[in-house]
Amino acid sequence: MPSQAFLLGQAFLADNTKKPGVVTTASGLQYLVLREGTGKSPKKKDTVVVNYRGTLLNGVEFDSSYLAGREPAEFPLNSVIKGWTEGLQLMKEGAKFRFFIPSNLAYGSRGAGLDIGPDEALIFEVELLKVWED
């Protein structure tokens, strides 16, 4: 039987598809373009530099590169959750998107740390600053 978090995420994502500008990919990832970019788009093996803010569906922020004293995050695109790997490849440098990530493209049934429970759908606002090609 699906968990309560999974059912809440599914209901949220189903309702979210009706909102203007929200695009749903074949995998179920949803995104909203907040600002288009004009630079390079990353490929799966590239390294990216991003600013981001992650929240649960209830609006609780669990992580942010915008916090005082934090630098933008830099990582290989193939080393993060599937929703980020897919979504960032849709962006160009300078773009800012909001991702609505179903649990199977996030941390799934294992969750992550103390803040992200099992089967949680997540929302990330991501700004792609730089692409380092592999």
Protein backbone atom coordinates (compact mmCIF):
# COMPACT_ATOMS: atom_id res chain seq x y z
CA MET A 1 0.00 0.00 0.00
CA PRO A 2 1.42 3.42 -0.95
CA SER A 3 2.53 5.69 1.89
CA GLN A 4 0.71 8.89 2.84
CA ALA A 5 3.67 10.96 1.57
CA PHE A 6 3.54 9.19 -1.80
CA LEU A 7 -0.22 9.78 -2.15
CA LEU A 8 0.12 13.45 -1.18
CA GLY A 9 2.90 13.87 -3.74
CA GLN A 10 0.87 12.22 -6.48
CA ALA A 11 -2.14 14.44 -5.72
CA PHE A 12 0.03 17.57 -5.68
CA LEU A 13 1.67 16.70 -9.01
CA ALA A 14 -1.68 15.84 -10.64
CA ASP A 15 -3.09 19.22 -9.58
CA ASN A 16 0.12 20.99 -10.57
CA THR A 17 -0.25 19.90 -14.22
CA LYS A 18 -3.25 22.25 -14.48
CA LYS A 19 -1.21 25.34 -13.59
CA PRO A 20 -0.11 27.71 -16.37
CA GLY A 21 3.40 27.13 -17.68
CA VAL A 22 4.01 23.81 -15.90
CA VAL A 23 5.50 21.21 -18.26
CA THR A 24 5.56 17.48 -17.47
CA THR A 25 8.21 15.25 -19.04
CA ALA A 26 7.77 11.57 -19.94
CA SER A 27 9.45 10.56 -16.65
CA GLY A 28 6.97 12.61 -14.58
CA LEU A 29 9.35 15.48 -13.78
CA GLN A 30 7.52 18.80 -13.83
CA TYR A 31 9.13 22.17 -14.37
CA LEU A 32 8.27 25.82 -14.69
CA VAL A 33 10.59 28.23 -16.49
CA LEU A 34 11.15 31.29 -14.30
CA ARG A 35 13.87 32.77 -16.52
CA GLU A 36 15.29 31.52 -19.80
CA GLY A 37 19.05 31.23 -20.17
CA THR A 38 21.24 31.87 -23.19
CA GLY A 39 24.40 29.87 -22.47
CA LYS A 40 25.31 26.20 -22.79
CA SER A 41 23.09 23.30 -21.77
CA PRO A 42 24.78 20.62 -19.67
CA LYS A 43 25.07 17.01 -20.68
CA LYS A 44 24.85 14.15 -18.19
CA LYS A 45 28.64 13.90 -17.69
CA ASP A 46 29.25 17.66 -17.34
CA THR A 47 29.84 19.52 -14.09
CA VAL A 48 27.44 22.31 -13.19
CA VAL A 49 27.50 25.29 -10.85
CA VAL A 50 24.09 26.20 -9.44
CA ASN A 51 22.25 28.19 -6.83
CA TYR A 52 19.22 26.38 -5.47
CA ARG A 53 16.52 26.26 -2.83
CA GLY A 54 14.83 22.98 -1.89
CA THR A 55 11.46 22.74 -0.16
CA LEU A 56 8.99 20.09 0.85
CA LEU A 57 5.45 20.31 -0.51
CA ASN A 58 4.37 22.05 2.72
CA GLY A 59 6.83 24.88 2.00
CA VAL A 60 9.46 23.92 4.60
CA GLU A 61 12.90 24.72 3.22
CA PHE A 62 15.38 21.87 3.81
CA ASP A 63 18.40 23.22 1.93
CA SER A 64 19.56 26.33 0.10
CA SER A 65 22.76 27.64 -1.44
CA TYR A 66 21.41 31.15 -0.81
CA LEU A 67 21.95 30.87 2.96
CA ALA A 68 24.42 33.34 4.42
CA GLY A 69 28.00 32.29 3.90
CA ARG A 70 27.23 29.57 1.34
CA GLU A 71 28.71 29.41 -2.12
CA PRO A 72 26.91 28.11 -5.20
CA ALA A 73 27.04 24.30 -5.42
CA GLU A 74 29.29 22.57 -7.96
CA PHE A 75 28.88 18.89 -8.85
CA PRO A 76 28.94 16.38 -11.71
CA LEU A 77 25.42 16.23 -13.12
CA ASN A 78 25.37 12.43 -13.05
CA SER A 79 25.97 12.38 -9.26
CA VAL A 80 22.67 13.88 -8.10
CA ILE A 81 19.03 12.76 -7.94
CA LYS A 82 17.44 11.76 -11.25
CA GLY A 83 15.09 14.78 -11.25
CA TRP A 84 18.06 17.17 -11.16
CA THR A 85 20.02 15.23 -13.79
CA GLU A 86 17.06 15.35 -16.17
CA GLY A 87 15.88 18.87 -15.35
CA LEU A 88 19.22 20.63 -15.57
CA GLN A 89 19.76 19.22 -19.07
CA LEU A 90 16.66 21.20 -20.13
CA MET A 91 18.26 24.46 -19.00
CA LYS A 92 20.84 26.83 -20.47
CA GLU A 93 23.35 28.83 -18.43
CA GLY A 94 21.59 31.82 -16.89
CA ALA A 95 18.23 30.03 -16.65
CA LYS A 96 16.18 29.67 -13.50
CA PHE A 97 13.61 26.85 -13.28
CA ARG A 98 11.34 25.46 -10.60
CA PHE A 99 11.34 21.65 -10.54
CA PHE A 100 8.52 19.59 -9.07
CA ILE A 101 10.12 16.20 -8.52
CA PRO A 102 8.14 13.02 -7.85
CA SER A 103 9.60 10.77 -5.16
CA ASN A 104 10.87 8.18 -7.66
CA LEU A 105 13.07 10.88 -9.25
CA ALA A 106 14.15 12.20 -5.83
CA TYR A 107 15.11 10.01 -2.85
CA GLY A 108 12.38 7.38 -3.20
CA SER A 109 11.44 5.14 -0.32
CA ARG A 110 14.71 5.77 1.57
CA GLY A 111 14.27 9.55 2.02
CA ALA A 112 17.34 11.66 2.88
CA GLY A 113 18.64 12.84 6.21
CA LEU A 114 16.31 14.08 8.91
CA ASP A 115 14.28 16.45 6.74
CA ILE A 116 13.22 14.44 3.69
CA GLY A 117 11.04 11.48 4.57
CA PRO A 118 10.42 8.37 2.50
CA ASP A 119 8.38 8.87 -0.70
CA GLU A 120 8.48 12.69 -0.52
CA ALA A 121 7.93 14.75 -3.67
CA LEU A 122 10.20 17.81 -3.65
CA ILE A 123 10.29 21.33 -5.08
CA PHE A 124 13.57 22.92 -6.14
CA GLU A 125 14.21 26.37 -7.52
CA VAL A 126 17.45 26.06 -9.48
CA GLU A 127 19.55 28.70 -11.19
CA LEU A 128 22.16 27.32 -13.63
CA LEU A 129 25.22 29.52 -13.38
CA LYS A 130 27.92 27.61 -15.26
CA VAL A 131 28.53 24.41 -17.21
CA TRP A 132 31.97 22.77 -17.21
CA GLU A 133 32.07 20.36 -20.10
CA ASP A 134 33.52 16.93 -19.42
